[in-house]
C-alpha atoms as a PDB file:
ATOM      1  CA  MET A   1     -59.341 -54.272  67.367  1.00  0.00           C
ATOM      2  CA  THR A   2     -57.390 -54.490  64.140  1.00  0.00           C
ATOM      3  CA  ILE A   3     -53.847 -53.180  63.812  1.00  0.00           C
ATOM      4  CA  GLN A   4     -52.066 -52.799  60.493  1.00  0.00           C
ATOM      5  CA  SER A   5     -48.616 -51.341  59.896  1.00  0.00           C
ATOM      6  CA  LYS A   6     -46.898 -50.082  56.793  1.00  0.00           C
ATOM      7  CA  LYS A   7     -43.312 -48.843  56.458  1.00  0.00           C
ATOM      8  CA  LEU A   8     -43.523 -45.420  54.767  1.00  0.00           C
ATOM      9  CA  ASP A   9     -39.794 -44.909  54.356  1.00  0.00           C
ATOM     10  CA  ARG A  10     -36.686 -45.837  56.290  1.00  0.00           C
ATOM     11  CA  ASP A  11     -37.489 -43.297  58.990  1.00  0.00           C
ATOM     12  CA  SER A  12     -41.220 -43.798  59.540  1.00  0.00           C
ATOM     13  CA  VAL A  13     -43.925 -46.319  59.856  1.00  0.00           C
ATOM     14  CA  ALA A  14     -47.767 -45.878  59.841  1.00  0.00           C
ATOM     15  CA  VAL A  15     -49.850 -47.945  62.229  1.00  0.00           C
ATOM     16  CA  SER A  16     -53.597 -47.956  61.508  1.00  0.00           C
ATOM     17  CA  LEU A  17     -56.026 -48.836  64.265  1.00  0.00           C
ATOM     18  CA  SER A  18     -59.674 -49.802  63.859  1.00  0.00           C
ATOM     19  CA  GLY A  19     -62.213 -50.837  66.487  1.00  0.00           C
ATOM     20  CA  ARG A  20     -61.804 -50.335  70.225  1.00  0.00           C
ATOM     21  CA  LEU A  21     -58.519 -49.626  71.943  1.00  0.00           C
ATOM     22  CA  ASP A  22     -59.459 -51.170  75.296  1.00  0.00           C
ATOM     23  CA  THR A  23     -57.470 -53.124  77.918  1.00  0.00           C
ATOM     24  CA  LEU A  24     -56.948 -56.242  75.788  1.00  0.00           C
ATOM     25  CA  ALA A  25     -56.184 -54.279  72.606  1.00  0.00           C
ATOM     26  CA  ALA A  26     -53.749 -51.969  74.468  1.00  0.00           C
ATOM     27  CA  HIS A  27     -51.405 -54.870  75.063  1.00  0.00           C
ATOM     28  CA  LYS A  28     -51.735 -55.884  71.450  1.00  0.00           C
ATOM     29  CA  LEU A  29     -50.848 -52.363  70.293  1.00  0.00           C
ATOM     30  CA  GLU A  30     -47.807 -52.286  72.568  1.00  0.00           C
ATOM     31  CA  GLN A  31     -46.504 -55.506  71.135  1.00  0.00           C
ATOM     32  CA  LYS A  32     -47.155 -54.416  67.555  1.00  0.00           C
ATOM     33  CA  VAL A  33     -45.223 -51.149  68.075  1.00  0.00           C
ATOM     34  CA  LYS A  34     -42.318 -53.026  69.479  1.00  0.00           C
ATOM     35  CA  GLN A  35     -42.260 -55.202  66.372  1.00  0.00           C
ATOM     36  CA  VAL A  36     -42.330 -52.363  63.820  1.00  0.00           C
ATOM     37  CA  ALA A  37     -40.312 -49.631  65.578  1.00  0.00           C
ATOM     38  CA  ASP A  38     -36.584 -50.238  65.524  1.00  0.00           C
ATOM     39  CA  GLY A  39     -35.501 -47.440  67.864  1.00  0.00           C
ATOM     40  CA  LYS A  40     -34.898 -45.025  64.971  1.00  0.00           C
ATOM     41  CA  THR A  41     -38.354 -44.947  63.409  1.00  0.00           C
ATOM     42  CA  ASP A  42     -41.026 -42.229  63.756  1.00  0.00           C
ATOM     43  CA  ILE A  43     -44.559 -43.555  64.183  1.00  0.00           C
ATOM     44  CA  ILE A  44     -47.742 -42.188  62.698  1.00  0.00           C
ATOM     45  CA  LEU A  45     -50.817 -43.587  64.364  1.00  0.00           C
ATOM     46  CA  ASP A  46     -53.851 -43.482  62.046  1.00  0.00           C
ATOM     47  CA  PHE A  47     -57.046 -43.382  64.197  1.00  0.00           C
ATOM     48  CA  LYS A  48     -59.451 -43.206  61.197  1.00  0.00           C
ATOM     49  CA  GLY A  49     -61.132 -46.509  62.208  1.00  0.00           C
ATOM     50  CA  LEU A  50     -60.736 -46.127  65.956  1.00  0.00           C
ATOM     51  CA  ASP A  51     -64.135 -45.960  67.691  1.00  0.00           C
ATOM     52  CA  TYR A  52     -63.079 -45.846  71.345  1.00  0.00           C
ATOM     53  CA  ILE A  53     -60.060 -45.559  73.560  1.00  0.00           C
ATOM     54  CA  SER A  54     -59.938 -46.609  77.234  1.00  0.00           C
ATOM     55  CA  SER A  55     -57.611 -45.476  80.038  1.00  0.00           C
ATOM     56  CA  SER A  56     -55.413 -48.503  79.266  1.00  0.00           C
ATOM     57  CA  GLY A  57     -55.106 -47.363  75.637  1.00  0.00           C
ATOM     58  CA  LEU A  58     -54.188 -43.870  76.816  1.00  0.00           C
ATOM     59  CA  HIS A  59     -51.609 -45.373  79.160  1.00  0.00           C
ATOM     60  CA  VAL A  60     -49.949 -47.258  76.283  1.00  0.00           C
ATOM     61  CA  LEU A  61     -49.900 -44.086  74.176  1.00  0.00           C
ATOM     62  CA  LEU A  62     -48.352 -42.089  76.993  1.00  0.00           C
ATOM     63  CA  GLN A  63     -45.591 -44.672  77.512  1.00  0.00           C
ATOM     64  CA  LEU A  64     -44.983 -44.825  73.821  1.00  0.00           C
ATOM     65  CA  TYR A  65     -44.767 -41.000  73.643  1.00  0.00           C
ATOM     66  CA  LYS A  66     -42.335 -40.849  76.544  1.00  0.00           C
ATOM     67  CA  THR A  67     -40.107 -43.578  75.041  1.00  0.00           C
ATOM     68  CA  MET A  68     -40.030 -41.939  71.646  1.00  0.00           C
ATOM     69  CA  SER A  69     -39.345 -38.490  73.050  1.00  0.00           C
ATOM     70  CA  ILE A  70     -36.348 -39.779  74.964  1.00  0.00           C
ATOM     71  CA  SER A  71     -34.898 -41.241  71.773  1.00  0.00           C
ATOM     72  CA  LYS A  72     -35.732 -38.058  69.778  1.00  0.00           C
ATOM     73  CA  ARG A  73     -38.351 -39.806  67.585  1.00  0.00           C
ATOM     74  CA  LYS A  74     -41.766 -38.465  66.660  1.00  0.00           C
ATOM     75  CA  LEU A  75     -45.148 -39.839  67.484  1.00  0.00           C
ATOM     76  CA  VAL A  76     -48.053 -38.302  65.521  1.00  0.00           C
ATOM     77  CA  ILE A  77     -51.740 -39.127  65.550  1.00  0.00           C
ATOM     78  CA  LYS A  78     -53.838 -38.480  62.516  1.00  0.00           C
ATOM     79  CA  ASN A  79     -57.492 -38.873  61.481  1.00  0.00           C
ATOM     80  CA  MET A  80     -58.843 -38.696  65.056  1.00  0.00           C
ATOM     81  CA  ASN A  81     -62.669 -38.882  65.036  1.00  0.00           C
ATOM     82  CA  GLU A  82     -64.886 -36.802  67.291  1.00  0.00           C
ATOM     83  CA  PRO A  83     -65.590 -39.394  70.074  1.00  0.00           C
ATOM     84  CA  VAL A  84     -61.883 -40.153  70.468  1.00  0.00           C
ATOM     85  CA  ARG A  85     -61.011 -36.465  70.278  1.00  0.00           C
ATOM     86  CA  GLU A  86     -63.431 -35.775  73.144  1.00  0.00           C
ATOM     87  CA  ILE A  87     -61.679 -38.365  75.308  1.00  0.00           C
ATOM     88  CA  PHE A  88     -58.302 -36.765  74.458  1.00  0.00           C
ATOM     89  CA  GLU A  89     -59.633 -33.325  75.347  1.00  0.00           C
ATOM     90  CA  MET A  90     -61.184 -34.480  78.684  1.00  0.00           C
ATOM     91  CA  THR A  91     -57.927 -36.200  79.741  1.00  0.00           C
ATOM     92  CA  GLY A  92     -55.541 -33.494  78.551  1.00  0.00           C
ATOM     93  CA  PHE A  93     -53.893 -35.737  75.950  1.00  0.00           C
ATOM     94  CA  ILE A  94     -54.964 -33.428  73.157  1.00  0.00           C
ATOM     95  CA  GLY A  95     -52.112 -31.022  73.958  1.00  0.00           C
ATOM     96  CA  LEU A  96     -49.603 -33.755  74.780  1.00  0.00           C
ATOM     97  CA  ILE A  97     -49.302 -35.911  71.669  1.00  0.00           C
ATOM     98  CA  PRO A  98     -49.182 -34.051  68.363  1.00  0.00           C
ATOM     99  CA  SER A  99     -52.088 -34.681  66.016  1.00  0.00           C
ATOM    100  CA  GLU A 100     -52.864 -33.957  62.399  1.00  0.00           C
ATOM    101  CA  GLU A 101     -56.278 -33.566  60.819  1.00  0.00           C
END
């Protein structure tokens, strides 16, 4: 999996994912988010290139969502493709983490 980040402004950062968010990549995403988020930054996850997400990937997203909610920051997912959307729908994540088309 490839992870790229870009600071959008002083309050938000975009993190683009491509490939498969599986067990190995989930740890990589967790580390990357810790590097780019400073405790005050909103995060936009761009799933345009994401082909697959495993339960480990969902776990990292859930932990990230909880952490950000506690500190009153926003986590938004955009550009979710159909296979990933189906996984989010089956697991109930579609209503949990806000997403944009």
